Protein backbone atom coordinates (compact mmCIF):
# COMPACT_ATOMS: atom_id res chain seq x y z
CA UNK A 1 -21.01 47.13 24.01
CA UNK A 2 -23.85 47.11 26.54
CA UNK A 3 -26.75 49.19 25.28
CA UNK A 4 -29.30 48.80 28.10
CA UNK A 5 -29.01 47.69 31.72
CA UNK A 6 -32.02 46.92 33.90
CA UNK A 7 -31.21 47.16 37.62
CA UNK A 8 -33.01 46.84 40.93
CA UNK A 9 -35.99 44.71 40.00
CA UNK A 10 -36.85 41.08 40.43
CA UNK A 11 -36.13 39.08 37.30
CA UNK A 12 -37.79 35.84 36.20
CA UNK A 13 -34.94 33.35 35.69
CA UNK A 14 -35.73 29.64 35.27
CA UNK A 15 -39.29 30.23 36.55
CA UNK A 16 -38.02 31.87 39.76
CA UNK A 17 -38.07 35.57 40.65
CA UNK A 18 -34.59 36.63 41.74
CA UNK A 19 -32.75 39.88 42.36
CA UNK A 20 -30.72 40.27 39.18
CA UNK A 21 -29.59 42.89 36.73
CA UNK A 22 -30.01 42.29 33.02
CA UNK A 23 -27.66 43.64 30.36
CA UNK A 24 -28.70 43.94 26.72
CA UNK A 25 -26.36 44.28 23.76
CA UNK A 26 -27.93 44.74 20.35
CA UNK A 27 -30.91 42.41 20.02
CA UNK A 28 -29.83 39.91 22.66
CA UNK A 29 -29.40 39.55 26.41
CA UNK A 30 -25.67 39.66 27.07
CA UNK A 31 -25.66 38.98 30.80
CA UNK A 32 -28.00 38.06 33.65
CA UNK A 33 -27.22 38.19 37.38
CA UNK A 34 -24.05 40.19 36.87
CA UNK A 35 -22.93 43.62 38.18
CA UNK A 36 -23.12 44.82 34.56
CA UNK A 37 -21.09 47.83 33.49
CA UNK A 38 -22.74 51.13 32.77
CA UNK A 39 -24.69 51.34 29.55
CA UNK A 40 -26.12 53.94 27.23
CA UNK A 41 -29.51 53.41 28.88
CA UNK A 42 -29.92 52.39 32.50
CA UNK A 43 -33.34 51.52 33.85
CA UNK A 44 -34.08 51.49 37.56
CA UNK A 45 -36.63 48.69 37.94
CA UNK A 46 -37.04 48.92 41.72
CA UNK A 47 -40.45 47.56 42.66
CA UNK A 48 -40.95 46.06 39.20
CA UNK A 49 -40.75 42.58 37.74
CA UNK A 50 -38.59 41.87 34.69
CA UNK A 51 -40.41 39.17 32.74
CA UNK A 52 -39.87 37.54 29.32
CA UNK A 53 -41.89 39.02 26.47
CA UNK A 54 -45.21 37.32 25.79
CA UNK A 55 -45.50 34.97 22.80
CA UNK A 56 -49.03 34.78 21.37
CA UNK A 57 -49.66 31.78 19.12
CA UNK A 58 -53.29 32.57 18.36
CA UNK A 59 -54.65 36.09 18.30
CA UNK A 60 -57.41 37.30 16.01
CA UNK A 61 -58.26 40.56 17.76
CA UNK A 62 -56.71 42.32 14.77
CA UNK A 63 -59.91 41.53 12.87
CA UNK A 64 -61.61 44.28 14.87
CA UNK A 65 -59.14 46.78 13.48
CA UNK A 66 -59.87 45.53 9.97
CA UNK A 67 -63.64 45.56 10.43
CA UNK A 68 -64.65 47.40 13.62
CA UNK A 69 -68.29 47.09 12.63
CA UNK A 70 -69.89 44.45 10.40
CA UNK A 71 -69.44 45.54 6.79
CA UNK A 72 -67.23 48.51 7.75
CA UNK A 73 -63.68 47.80 6.61
CA UNK A 74 -60.39 49.67 6.96
CA UNK A 75 -57.10 49.23 5.08
CA UNK A 76 -55.12 46.23 6.27
CA UNK A 77 -51.88 48.19 6.68
CA UNK A 78 -53.62 50.62 9.03
CA UNK A 79 -55.18 47.72 10.95
CA UNK A 80 -51.83 45.97 11.36
CA UNK A 81 -50.12 49.06 12.74
CA UNK A 82 -52.94 49.61 15.23
CA UNK A 83 -52.88 45.93 16.22
CA UNK A 84 -49.11 46.08 16.69
CA UNK A 85 -49.47 48.97 19.12
CA UNK A 86 -52.13 47.12 21.07
CA UNK A 87 -50.12 43.92 21.21
CA UNK A 88 -46.95 45.69 22.38
CA UNK A 89 -48.84 47.72 24.99
CA UNK A 90 -50.07 44.42 26.43
CA UNK A 91 -46.60 42.87 26.53
CA UNK A 92 -46.87 40.70 23.41
CA UNK A 93 -43.49 40.84 21.71
CA UNK A 94 -44.09 37.90 19.34
CA UNK A 95 -47.52 37.75 17.77
CA UNK A 96 -48.99 35.18 15.41
CA UNK A 97 -51.93 36.79 13.63
CA UNK A 98 -54.47 33.97 13.40
CA UNK A 99 -55.90 34.51 9.92
CA UNK A 100 -58.94 32.43 9.07
CA UNK A 101 -59.24 31.45 5.40
CA UNK A 102 -62.73 30.17 4.95
CA UNK A 103 -64.99 29.21 2.10
CA UNK A 104 -66.90 32.39 2.96
CA UNK A 105 -66.22 35.65 1.16
CA UNK A 106 -65.68 38.85 3.14
CA UNK A 107 -63.59 39.25 6.27
CA UNK A 108 -62.46 35.60 6.29
CA UNK A 109 -62.37 35.07 2.58
CA UNK A 110 -59.61 34.44 0.05
CA UNK A 111 -58.96 38.09 -0.79
CA UNK A 112 -58.33 39.05 2.82
CA UNK A 113 -56.08 36.03 3.43
CA UNK A 114 -53.92 37.00 0.45
CA UNK A 115 -53.85 40.65 1.44
CA UNK A 116 -52.97 39.81 5.04
CA UNK A 117 -50.00 37.59 4.25
CA UNK A 118 -48.68 40.19 1.80
CA UNK A 119 -49.18 43.03 4.28
CA UNK A 120 -47.55 41.15 7.17
CA UNK A 121 -44.49 40.37 5.06
CA UNK A 122 -44.25 43.96 3.82
CA UNK A 123 -44.74 45.61 7.20
CA UNK A 124 -42.86 43.14 9.41
CA UNK A 125 -39.63 45.22 9.46
CA UNK A 126 -41.57 48.27 10.62
CA UNK A 127 -43.61 46.66 13.42
CA UNK A 128 -42.47 46.58 17.04
CA UNK A 129 -43.65 43.02 17.71
CA UNK A 130 -42.15 40.11 15.80
CA UNK A 131 -45.21 39.50 13.63
CA UNK A 132 -45.94 36.06 12.17
CA UNK A 133 -48.63 34.51 9.98
CA UNK A 134 -50.84 31.81 11.50
CA UNK A 135 -53.15 30.40 8.84
CA UNK A 136 -56.37 28.89 10.13
CA UNK A 137 -57.62 26.77 7.28
CA UNK A 138 -61.32 25.93 7.33
CA UNK A 139 -61.21 22.32 6.21
CA UNK A 140 -64.17 22.72 3.83
CA UNK A 141 -62.20 25.45 2.04
CA UNK A 142 -60.93 22.89 -0.45
CA UNK A 143 -60.33 25.34 -3.29
CA UNK A 144 -57.57 27.00 -1.23
CA UNK A 145 -55.50 23.83 -0.98
CA UNK A 146 -53.16 24.45 -3.92
CA UNK A 147 -52.33 27.99 -2.83
CA UNK A 148 -51.71 26.95 0.78
CA UNK A 149 -49.32 24.22 -0.33
CA UNK A 150 -47.44 26.79 -2.41
CA UNK A 151 -47.22 29.12 0.62
CA UNK A 152 -45.96 26.27 2.81
CA UNK A 153 -43.23 25.40 0.32
CA UNK A 154 -42.21 29.05 0.15
CA UNK A 155 -42.00 29.30 3.95
CA UNK A 156 -44.66 31.99 4.13
CA UNK A 157 -46.81 30.25 6.78
CA UNK A 158 -45.47 30.18 10.36
CA UNK A 159 -48.29 28.09 11.87
CA UNK A 160 -51.01 26.07 10.14
CA UNK A 161 -54.22 25.16 11.94
CA UNK A 162 -57.04 22.91 10.79
CA UNK A 163 -60.49 24.26 11.70
CA UNK A 164 -63.88 22.72 11.04
CA UNK A 165 -66.68 25.05 12.06
CA UNK A 166 -69.16 23.61 9.58
CA UNK A 167 -71.21 21.74 12.17
CA UNK A 168 -71.61 24.83 14.35
CA UNK A 169 -72.40 26.99 11.31
CA UNK A 170 -75.04 24.51 10.20
CA UNK A 171 -76.55 24.64 13.69
CA UNK A 172 -76.50 28.43 13.70
CA UNK A 173 -78.39 28.53 10.41
CA UNK A 174 -81.52 27.74 12.43
CA UNK A 175 -80.98 30.89 14.51
CA UNK A 176 -82.09 33.94 12.47
CA UNK A 177 -79.98 36.47 14.34
CA UNK A 178 -76.82 34.40 14.19
CA UNK A 179 -77.39 33.55 10.52
CA UNK A 180 -77.81 37.26 9.75
CA UNK A 181 -74.52 38.06 11.52
CA UNK A 182 -72.63 35.43 9.54
CA UNK A 183 -74.15 36.60 6.29
CA UNK A 184 -73.27 40.22 7.05
CA UNK A 185 -69.65 39.27 7.83
CA UNK A 186 -69.48 37.51 4.47
CA UNK A 187 -71.07 40.43 2.64
CA UNK A 188 -74.08 38.35 1.55
CA UNK A 189 -77.78 38.46 2.19
CA UNK A 190 -79.41 35.65 4.19
CA UNK A 191 -80.59 33.71 1.14
CA UNK A 192 -77.21 33.92 -0.59
CA UNK A 193 -75.43 32.71 2.54
CA UNK A 194 -77.89 29.85 2.95
CA UNK A 195 -77.26 28.69 -0.60
CA UNK A 196 -73.51 28.95 -0.14
CA UNK A 197 -73.59 26.74 2.96
CA UNK A 198 -75.72 24.15 1.16
CA UNK A 199 -73.26 24.04 -1.72
CA UNK A 200 -70.18 23.76 0.49
CA UNK A 201 -71.64 20.94 2.59
CA UNK A 202 -71.93 18.77 -0.53
CA UNK A 203 -68.09 18.58 -0.61
CA UNK A 204 -67.88 16.79 2.73
CA UNK A 205 -66.33 13.65 1.24
CA UNK A 206 -63.42 15.68 -0.17
CA UNK A 207 -62.40 17.11 3.20
CA UNK A 208 -60.32 14.21 4.65
CA UNK A 209 -58.14 13.97 1.56
CA UNK A 210 -57.53 17.71 1.56
CA UNK A 211 -56.50 17.67 5.22
CA UNK A 212 -54.08 14.81 4.58
CA UNK A 213 -52.43 16.57 1.63
CA UNK A 214 -52.07 19.85 3.49
CA UNK A 215 -50.67 18.11 6.57
CA UNK A 216 -48.13 16.28 4.41
CA UNK A 217 -47.06 19.61 2.92
CA UNK A 218 -46.81 21.08 6.42
CA UNK A 219 -44.57 18.25 7.58
CA UNK A 220 -42.38 18.60 4.49
CA UNK A 221 -41.94 22.32 5.08
CA UNK A 222 -41.32 21.94 8.82
CA UNK A 223 -44.31 24.12 9.70
CA UNK A 224 -45.78 23.53 13.19
CA UNK A 225 -49.43 22.50 12.87
CA UNK A 226 -52.44 22.63 15.16
CA UNK A 227 -55.83 20.94 15.16
CA UNK A 228 -58.62 23.12 16.49
CA UNK A 229 -61.47 21.99 18.76
CA UNK A 230 -60.51 18.30 18.83
CA UNK A 231 -63.58 16.50 20.18
CA UNK A 232 -62.25 13.03 21.00
CA UNK A 233 -59.02 11.12 21.69
CA UNK A 234 -59.53 9.37 18.33
CA UNK A 235 -59.60 12.71 16.54
CA UNK A 236 -56.39 13.80 18.28
CA UNK A 237 -54.66 10.54 17.38
CA UNK A 238 -55.73 10.88 13.75
CA UNK A 239 -54.24 14.36 13.51
CA UNK A 240 -51.09 13.23 15.32
CA UNK A 241 -50.62 10.47 12.76
CA UNK A 242 -50.51 13.19 10.08
CA UNK A 243 -47.89 15.22 11.96
CA UNK A 244 -50.32 17.73 13.50
CA UNK A 245 -48.88 17.75 17.00
CA UNK A 246 -50.39 20.79 18.75
CA UNK A 247 -53.87 20.44 20.25
CA UNK A 248 -55.66 23.77 20.16
CA UNK A 249 -58.73 24.15 22.38
CA UNK A 250 -59.58 20.44 22.90
CA UNK A 251 -63.20 20.45 24.04
CA UNK A 252 -63.10 17.81 26.76
CA UNK A 253 -60.81 16.23 29.35
CA UNK A 254 -60.24 12.84 27.65
CA UNK A 255 -59.03 14.57 24.47
CA UNK A 256 -56.66 16.83 26.40
CA UNK A 257 -55.39 13.81 28.33
CA UNK A 258 -54.63 12.06 25.06
CA UNK A 259 -52.52 15.03 23.96
CA UNK A 260 -50.79 15.33 27.33
CA UNK A 261 -49.88 11.65 27.46
CA UNK A 262 -48.22 12.05 24.07
CA UNK A 263 -46.21 15.03 25.34
CA UNK A 264 -47.95 17.45 22.95
CA UNK A 265 -48.50 21.15 23.50
CA UNK A 266 -52.09 21.97 24.46
CA UNK A 267 -53.41 25.47 23.79
CA UNK A 268 -56.31 27.19 25.53
CA UNK A 269 -57.50 30.78 25.48
CA UNK A 270 -56.29 33.19 28.15
CA UNK A 271 -59.67 35.01 28.18
CA UNK A 272 -61.11 31.74 29.53
CA UNK A 273 -58.86 32.08 32.60
CA UNK A 274 -59.53 35.79 33.09
CA UNK A 275 -63.31 35.38 32.83
CA UNK A 276 -63.39 32.23 34.94
CA UNK A 277 -64.60 29.99 32.14
CA UNK A 278 -65.29 29.65 28.43
CA UNK A 279 -67.80 31.98 26.80
CA UNK A 280 -69.03 28.94 24.86
CA UNK A 281 -69.61 26.87 27.98
CA UNK A 282 -66.86 24.37 27.10
CA UNK A 283 -63.76 23.40 29.08
CA UNK A 284 -62.63 25.65 31.95
CA UNK A 285 -58.99 26.46 31.24
CA UNK A 286 -57.93 26.99 34.87
CA UNK A 287 -59.12 23.49 35.72
CA UNK A 288 -57.17 22.06 32.79
CA UNK A 289 -54.04 23.92 33.91
CA UNK A 290 -54.42 22.57 37.45
CA UNK A 291 -54.58 19.06 35.99
CA UNK A 292 -51.52 19.57 33.82
CA UNK A 293 -53.67 19.53 30.68
CA UNK A 294 -52.77 22.96 29.30
CA UNK A 295 -49.27 24.10 28.36
CA UNK A 296 -49.98 27.27 26.34
CA UNK A 297 -52.34 30.21 26.81
CA UNK A 298 -53.12 32.39 23.77
CA UNK A 299 -54.77 35.81 23.62
CA UNK A 300 -57.46 34.37 21.33
CA UNK A 301 -59.69 37.41 20.80
CA UNK A 302 -58.41 39.79 23.55
CA UNK A 303 -54.82 41.06 23.70
CA UNK A 304 -54.74 41.96 27.45
CA UNK A 305 -55.80 38.44 28.45
CA UNK A 306 -52.41 36.69 28.57
CA UNK A 307 -50.85 39.12 31.06
CA UNK A 308 -53.97 39.11 33.22
CA UNK A 309 -54.34 35.33 33.08
CA UNK A 310 -50.81 34.64 34.36
CA UNK A 311 -51.31 36.90 37.36
CA UNK A 312 -54.77 35.50 38.05
CA UNK A 313 -53.43 31.93 38.06
CA UNK A 314 -50.88 33.04 40.65
CA UNK A 315 -53.44 34.95 42.74
CA UNK A 316 -55.79 31.96 42.70
CA UNK A 317 -52.91 29.66 43.74
CA UNK A 318 -53.32 27.52 40.62
CA UNK A 319 -49.64 28.01 39.73
CA UNK A 320 -46.83 30.19 41.06
CA UNK A 321 -46.20 33.17 38.81
CA UNK A 322 -43.03 31.74 37.28
CA UNK A 323 -44.79 28.60 36.07
CA UNK A 324 -47.88 30.57 35.01
CA UNK A 325 -45.70 32.94 32.99
CA UNK A 326 -44.14 30.03 31.08
CA UNK A 327 -47.61 29.34 29.63
CA UNK A 328 -47.46 32.68 27.80
CA UNK A 329 -43.74 32.90 27.05
CA UNK A 330 -41.37 29.95 26.94
CA UNK A 331 -43.86 27.19 26.16
CA UNK A 332 -45.62 28.91 23.24
CA UNK A 333 -42.20 29.81 21.86
CA UNK A 334 -41.15 26.16 22.01
CA UNK A 335 -44.45 25.00 20.49
CA UNK A 336 -43.73 27.28 17.52
CA UNK A 337 -40.19 25.96 17.21
CA UNK A 338 -38.57 29.13 18.57
CA UNK A 339 -35.62 28.49 20.89
CA UNK A 340 -34.29 32.06 21.05
CA UNK A 341 -37.03 33.63 23.17
CA UNK A 342 -39.53 33.09 25.96
CA UNK A 343 -37.00 33.30 28.81
CA UNK A 344 -34.48 35.71 30.28
CA UNK A 345 -31.09 34.11 29.80
CA UNK A 346 -27.67 34.89 28.36
CA UNK A 347 -27.85 34.88 24.57
CA UNK A 348 -31.66 34.96 24.34
CA UNK A 349 -33.51 37.48 22.25
CA UNK A 350 -33.95 40.64 24.34
CA UNK A 351 -37.73 40.66 24.72
CA UNK A 352 -38.37 41.90 28.25
CA UNK A 353 -41.31 43.46 30.07
CA UNK A 354 -41.13 45.60 33.19
CA UNK A 355 -44.34 45.05 35.14
CA UNK A 356 -45.69 46.72 38.27
CA UNK A 357 -47.31 43.91 40.30
CA UNK A 358 -48.70 46.13 43.08
CA UNK A 359 -52.29 45.10 42.32
CA UNK A 360 -52.32 41.32 42.00
CA UNK A 361 -55.13 41.11 39.43
CA UNK A 362 -54.29 44.35 37.62
CA UNK A 363 -50.58 44.23 36.73
CA UNK A 364 -49.39 47.31 34.86
CA UNK A 365 -46.82 47.24 32.10
CA UNK A 366 -44.31 50.03 32.62
CA UNK A 367 -41.91 49.25 29.77
CA UNK A 368 -41.55 46.85 26.87
CA UNK A 369 -38.23 45.98 25.26
CA UNK A 370 -38.47 44.06 21.96
CA UNK A 371 -35.34 42.75 20.25
CA UNK A 372 -33.26 45.12 22.36
CA UNK A 373 -35.27 48.27 21.64
CA UNK A 374 -37.46 50.17 24.09
CA UNK A 375 -40.72 50.18 22.14
CA UNK A 376 -43.18 51.08 24.89
CA UNK A 377 -42.71 53.19 28.02
CA UNK A 378 -45.27 54.51 30.49
CA UNK A 379 -45.25 55.93 34.00
CA UNK A 380 -42.04 57.89 33.54
CA UNK A 381 -41.71 58.53 37.27
CA UNK A 382 -41.21 54.80 37.92
CA UNK A 383 -38.28 54.41 35.52
CA UNK A 384 -35.02 56.28 36.01
CA UNK A 385 -33.40 57.15 32.68
CA UNK A 386 -30.14 58.48 31.34
CA UNK A 387 -30.18 61.27 28.82
CA UNK A 388 -30.04 58.80 25.94
CA UNK A 389 -33.23 56.93 26.71
CA UNK A 390 -35.28 59.26 24.56
CA UNK A 391 -32.97 58.50 21.64
CA UNK A 392 -33.49 54.77 22.18
CA UNK A 393 -37.25 55.20 22.15
CA UNK A 394 -37.14 57.40 19.06
CA UNK A 395 -35.04 54.83 17.24
CA UNK A 396 -37.69 52.21 17.98
């Protein structure tokens, strides 16, 4: 039975926009480019683009829902529901919550990491976006190693990233304002945070062995792994040798070239494209894309960025929209080992966005379909509905 038919719009098929109807049965796309019989819900997409749902490998904007002000926390279940609504409203139908587990207490400490993985697993059936757990392990967080290996064996971690922010933290310790911010996030005073950093730095020699053991566990469990902020081709090769095959935010061209030559996925932040450069002053993502040195764009810290970035790349003639869209849909899905989504094709998971492209740099999402359900609908006048559409939305 066909549950939903989308007619009259231009549909992204194999990176090309074509006139095609799309039929959805259950959670999957049952037919593309066919006359499609009538369905319970028919959507008139005239003037709209039908695009694959966005896949976000690295998004930590949910932290703002957990702690909207330093030291002001809210329940994680409430934060996840709010984050889910924001992600869906911005077209993200598969979201990997990038959860940092650091040696610091507080927002990025052990308690929150444990609570987050439990909450995601408990709430996953009730969230509109397919919600996954991306663990960002601070490499100096050696005491977490045993627990992380247990989680990997149990299949609880969907992505594992290796982060080392110790050098930047040590540098920031000389900046009173920045040091105060880090201490406040950790729930410590400045002196307590200073002593903590000094103590953690003494474990430097233990870090390489911990990385190697965690990477081996990741390989054994089949978990895709990323290395964050690779600073040299040698660093990328070292991680590759351990089975860490996704380069996340490489900080210079030679390192990105090393990853590209090996056929690895290379992740940059979509906010970098939208803003015209990195807020840290590092690599400009649009330039990397133009050179073929970026294959995935993630929301990073701002959920609207992926949608906006794809359209900006097209408007700036860096890539045609079809190829730009693959950076936020098909390619991140493949990097995460997902073959059932990221494109509009027969048999694919029915994650589809209807987007009004009238303003090139300000595309508007009119509707979001996730796993065959209409989970977000705006601008009612633009979408023609049968009498059952309200039931479909209510069921979502």
